Amino acid sequence: MEIEIGRVTHYYNHIGVAVLKLDEALKLGDKIHILGHTTDFEQRVGSLEVEHHSVVWVKPGDDVALKVIEPVREHDVVYRVVEEAFEPHLA
């Protein structure tokens, strides 16, 4: 399951960093999916920065810089991937 949490507002190609405008909270270790016209990939959040300071989580309304593994474009949509806990079924 995926929840829309924000959009890309800027991308710094030379350092592989996207700036996101968030509508939901985001923290280190979260799995995200970035989707756009030519963008479609998932990654774990490995670093977050607000005003050039490293943080472990950000709240709705924050503008956050995030290192990305592939190029992104302005207006790409960012989703948090909600991973379901594995529950074995009894036979």
N, C-alpha and C. Protein backbone atom coordinates (compact mmCIF):
# COMPACT_ATOMS: atom_id res chain seq x y z
N MET A 1 0.84 -1.17 0.00
CA MET A 1 0.00 0.00 0.00
C MET A 1 0.89 1.24 0.00
N GLU A 2 0.45 2.28 -0.69
CA GLU A 2 1.22 3.52 -0.77
C GLU A 2 0.36 4.70 -0.37
N ILE A 3 0.99 5.67 0.32
CA ILE A 3 0.31 6.88 0.75
C ILE A 3 1.05 8.07 0.16
N GLU A 4 0.35 8.95 -0.55
CA GLU A 4 0.99 10.14 -1.09
C GLU A 4 1.41 11.05 0.06
N ILE A 5 2.70 11.44 0.06
CA ILE A 5 3.19 12.27 1.15
C ILE A 5 3.75 13.61 0.69
N GLY A 6 3.92 13.81 -0.62
CA GLY A 6 4.45 15.09 -1.08
C GLY A 6 4.84 15.08 -2.54
N ARG A 7 5.56 16.14 -2.92
CA ARG A 7 5.99 16.31 -4.32
C ARG A 7 7.41 16.85 -4.37
N VAL A 8 8.06 16.57 -5.48
CA VAL A 8 9.40 17.11 -5.73
C VAL A 8 9.24 18.56 -6.17
N THR A 9 9.98 19.47 -5.52
CA THR A 9 9.94 20.88 -5.92
C THR A 9 11.20 21.31 -6.64
N HIS A 10 12.29 20.57 -6.45
CA HIS A 10 13.55 20.91 -7.12
C HIS A 10 14.45 19.67 -7.14
N TYR A 11 15.35 19.63 -8.11
CA TYR A 11 16.32 18.53 -8.20
C TYR A 11 17.68 19.10 -8.56
N TYR A 12 18.68 18.75 -7.75
CA TYR A 12 20.06 19.15 -7.99
C TYR A 12 20.78 17.97 -8.63
N ASN A 13 20.87 18.01 -9.95
CA ASN A 13 21.42 16.90 -10.73
C ASN A 13 22.87 16.59 -10.35
N HIS A 14 23.68 17.62 -10.14
CA HIS A 14 25.11 17.41 -9.90
C HIS A 14 25.41 16.72 -8.57
N ILE A 15 24.47 16.74 -7.62
CA ILE A 15 24.68 16.04 -6.34
C ILE A 15 23.62 14.97 -6.07
N GLY A 16 22.66 14.80 -6.98
CA GLY A 16 21.64 13.76 -6.84
C GLY A 16 20.73 13.97 -5.65
N VAL A 17 20.33 15.22 -5.43
CA VAL A 17 19.49 15.55 -4.28
C VAL A 17 18.18 16.17 -4.76
N ALA A 18 17.08 15.66 -4.19
CA ALA A 18 15.74 16.20 -4.49
C ALA A 18 15.26 17.01 -3.29
N VAL A 19 14.55 18.10 -3.57
CA VAL A 19 13.89 18.86 -2.51
C VAL A 19 12.41 18.50 -2.59
N LEU A 20 11.84 18.11 -1.45
CA LEU A 20 10.45 17.68 -1.38
C LEU A 20 9.64 18.64 -0.53
N LYS A 21 8.41 18.89 -0.94
CA LYS A 21 7.43 19.59 -0.11
C LYS A 21 6.50 18.52 0.42
N LEU A 22 6.47 18.34 1.75
CA LEU A 22 5.76 17.22 2.34
C LEU A 22 4.40 17.60 2.92
N ASP A 23 3.43 16.72 2.72
CA ASP A 23 2.10 16.84 3.32
C ASP A 23 1.94 15.87 4.49
N GLU A 24 2.91 14.95 4.64
CA GLU A 24 2.90 13.94 5.70
C GLU A 24 4.31 13.83 6.27
N ALA A 25 4.44 13.23 7.44
CA ALA A 25 5.75 13.04 8.07
C ALA A 25 6.57 12.00 7.29
N LEU A 26 7.89 12.10 7.43
CA LEU A 26 8.82 11.16 6.79
C LEU A 26 10.00 10.98 7.73
N LYS A 27 10.53 9.75 7.81
CA LYS A 27 11.68 9.51 8.70
C LYS A 27 12.71 8.63 8.02
N LEU A 28 13.91 8.65 8.58
CA LEU A 28 14.97 7.78 8.06
C LEU A 28 14.50 6.34 8.09
N GLY A 29 14.85 5.60 7.05
CA GLY A 29 14.48 4.19 6.97
C GLY A 29 13.17 3.92 6.27
N ASP A 30 12.32 4.97 6.12
CA ASP A 30 11.06 4.78 5.40
C ASP A 30 11.36 4.38 3.95
N LYS A 31 10.49 3.57 3.38
CA LYS A 31 10.59 3.21 1.97
C LYS A 31 9.68 4.15 1.21
N ILE A 32 10.21 4.78 0.16
CA ILE A 32 9.41 5.70 -0.64
C ILE A 32 9.39 5.26 -2.10
N HIS A 33 8.37 5.73 -2.80
CA HIS A 33 8.21 5.47 -4.23
C HIS A 33 8.02 6.84 -4.87
N ILE A 34 8.88 7.17 -5.83
CA ILE A 34 8.78 8.44 -6.54
C ILE A 34 8.28 8.13 -7.95
N LEU A 35 7.19 8.79 -8.32
CA LEU A 35 6.51 8.49 -9.58
C LEU A 35 6.20 9.79 -10.33
N GLY A 36 6.54 9.78 -11.61
CA GLY A 36 6.26 10.93 -12.46
C GLY A 36 6.16 10.49 -13.90
N HIS A 37 6.17 11.48 -14.81
CA HIS A 37 6.03 11.19 -16.24
C HIS A 37 7.09 10.21 -16.73
N THR A 38 8.34 10.42 -16.31
CA THR A 38 9.42 9.51 -16.71
C THR A 38 10.16 8.94 -15.51
N THR A 39 9.60 9.09 -14.33
CA THR A 39 10.24 8.63 -13.09
C THR A 39 9.40 7.53 -12.47
N ASP A 40 10.05 6.47 -12.01
CA ASP A 40 9.34 5.39 -11.33
C ASP A 40 10.36 4.49 -10.62
N PHE A 41 10.61 4.76 -9.34
CA PHE A 41 11.53 3.92 -8.58
C PHE A 41 11.21 3.99 -7.09
N GLU A 42 11.71 3.00 -6.37
CA GLU A 42 11.56 2.94 -4.91
C GLU A 42 12.94 2.98 -4.28
N GLN A 43 13.02 3.55 -3.07
CA GLN A 43 14.26 3.55 -2.32
C GLN A 43 13.97 3.75 -0.84
N ARG A 44 14.95 3.42 -0.01
CA ARG A 44 14.88 3.70 1.42
C ARG A 44 15.43 5.11 1.65
N VAL A 45 14.85 5.80 2.61
CA VAL A 45 15.33 7.13 2.98
C VAL A 45 16.60 6.95 3.80
N GLY A 46 17.73 7.39 3.25
CA GLY A 46 19.01 7.22 3.92
C GLY A 46 19.53 8.48 4.57
N SER A 47 19.04 9.65 4.14
CA SER A 47 19.46 10.91 4.74
C SER A 47 18.39 11.95 4.47
N LEU A 48 18.21 12.82 5.44
CA LEU A 48 17.27 13.94 5.33
C LEU A 48 17.96 15.19 5.84
N GLU A 49 17.76 16.30 5.13
CA GLU A 49 18.32 17.57 5.59
C GLU A 49 17.27 18.66 5.49
N VAL A 50 17.22 19.50 6.52
CA VAL A 50 16.39 20.69 6.54
C VAL A 50 17.32 21.87 6.80
N GLU A 51 17.35 22.81 5.87
CA GLU A 51 18.23 23.99 5.95
C GLU A 51 19.68 23.58 6.24
N HIS A 52 20.18 22.59 5.53
CA HIS A 52 21.56 22.10 5.59
C HIS A 52 21.91 21.42 6.91
N HIS A 53 20.92 21.01 7.70
CA HIS A 53 21.15 20.28 8.94
C HIS A 53 20.53 18.89 8.82
N SER A 54 21.30 17.86 9.14
CA SER A 54 20.79 16.49 9.10
C SER A 54 19.73 16.30 10.18
N VAL A 55 18.64 15.62 9.80
CA VAL A 55 17.55 15.33 10.73
C VAL A 55 17.16 13.87 10.56
N VAL A 56 16.45 13.31 11.56
CA VAL A 56 16.03 11.92 11.46
C VAL A 56 14.57 11.80 11.03
N TRP A 57 13.81 12.90 11.14
CA TRP A 57 12.42 12.90 10.67
C TRP A 57 12.01 14.32 10.35
N VAL A 58 10.99 14.44 9.51
CA VAL A 58 10.43 15.74 9.14
C VAL A 58 8.92 15.67 9.25
N LYS A 59 8.32 16.82 9.49
CA LYS A 59 6.87 16.87 9.70
C LYS A 59 6.19 17.46 8.47
N PRO A 60 4.87 17.33 8.39
CA PRO A 60 4.14 17.92 7.26
C PRO A 60 4.42 19.42 7.15
N GLY A 61 4.55 19.89 5.92
CA GLY A 61 4.82 21.30 5.67
C GLY A 61 6.29 21.61 5.51
N ASP A 62 7.16 20.69 5.90
CA ASP A 62 8.60 20.92 5.79
C ASP A 62 9.06 20.78 4.33
N ASP A 63 10.07 21.56 3.99
CA ASP A 63 10.82 21.37 2.75
C ASP A 63 12.08 20.62 3.15
N VAL A 64 12.28 19.45 2.56
CA VAL A 64 13.39 18.60 2.97
C VAL A 64 14.22 18.18 1.76
N ALA A 65 15.54 18.12 1.96
CA ALA A 65 16.45 17.63 0.92
C ALA A 65 16.70 16.15 1.17
N LEU A 66 16.68 15.38 0.09
CA LEU A 66 16.80 13.93 0.18
C LEU A 66 17.70 13.44 -0.95
N LYS A 67 18.72 12.65 -0.60
CA LYS A 67 19.58 12.02 -1.61
C LYS A 67 18.76 10.95 -2.31
N VAL A 68 18.73 10.99 -3.65
CA VAL A 68 17.95 10.02 -4.42
C VAL A 68 18.87 9.17 -5.30
N ILE A 69 18.42 7.96 -5.59
CA ILE A 69 19.25 7.00 -6.34
C ILE A 69 19.09 7.14 -7.85
N GLU A 70 18.09 7.90 -8.30
CA GLU A 70 17.86 8.15 -9.72
C GLU A 70 17.42 9.60 -9.90
N PRO A 71 17.59 10.15 -11.09
CA PRO A 71 17.11 11.52 -11.33
C PRO A 71 15.60 11.62 -11.15
N VAL A 72 15.15 12.75 -10.64
CA VAL A 72 13.73 13.04 -10.48
C VAL A 72 13.44 14.38 -11.15
N ARG A 73 12.17 14.71 -11.26
CA ARG A 73 11.76 15.96 -11.90
C ARG A 73 10.77 16.70 -11.01
N GLU A 74 10.74 18.01 -11.17
CA GLU A 74 9.75 18.81 -10.43
C GLU A 74 8.36 18.26 -10.70
N HIS A 75 7.54 18.25 -9.68
CA HIS A 75 6.15 17.79 -9.71
C HIS A 75 6.01 16.27 -9.62
N ASP A 76 7.13 15.51 -9.61
CA ASP A 76 7.01 14.06 -9.37
C ASP A 76 6.34 13.87 -8.01
N VAL A 77 5.53 12.83 -7.89
CA VAL A 77 4.80 12.55 -6.65
C VAL A 77 5.60 11.57 -5.80
N VAL A 78 5.64 11.84 -4.49
CA VAL A 78 6.36 10.98 -3.55
C VAL A 78 5.34 10.24 -2.68
N TYR A 79 5.49 8.93 -2.64
CA TYR A 79 4.62 8.07 -1.82
C TYR A 79 5.46 7.36 -0.76
N ARG A 80 4.89 7.17 0.43
CA ARG A 80 5.51 6.29 1.42
C ARG A 80 4.92 4.91 1.19
N VAL A 81 5.80 3.90 1.09
CA VAL A 81 5.36 2.52 0.91
C VAL A 81 5.13 1.94 2.30
N VAL A 82 3.89 1.57 2.58
CA VAL A 82 3.54 0.96 3.86
C VAL A 82 3.72 -0.53 3.72
N GLU A 83 4.73 -1.04 4.42
CA GLU A 83 5.05 -2.45 4.31
C GLU A 83 4.23 -3.24 5.32
N GLU A 84 3.57 -4.25 4.82
CA GLU A 84 2.73 -5.09 5.67
C GLU A 84 3.61 -6.05 6.46
N ALA A 85 3.29 -6.22 7.71
CA ALA A 85 4.01 -7.19 8.53
C ALA A 85 3.62 -8.59 8.08
N PHE A 86 4.59 -9.48 8.03
CA PHE A 86 4.33 -10.86 7.59
C PHE A 86 3.63 -11.61 8.73
N GLU A 87 2.50 -12.17 8.40
CA GLU A 87 1.76 -12.98 9.38
C GLU A 87 1.48 -14.33 8.74
N PRO A 88 2.18 -15.35 9.20
CA PRO A 88 1.93 -16.67 8.60
C PRO A 88 0.51 -17.15 8.91
N HIS A 89 -0.09 -17.75 7.92
CA HIS A 89 -1.45 -18.29 8.10
C HIS A 89 -1.38 -19.71 8.61
N LEU A 90 -2.24 -20.01 9.53
CA LEU A 90 -2.29 -21.37 10.06
C LEU A 90 -3.04 -22.27 9.11
N ALA A 91 -2.54 -23.47 8.92
CA ALA A 91 -3.18 -24.39 8.00
C ALA A 91 -4.35 -25.09 8.63
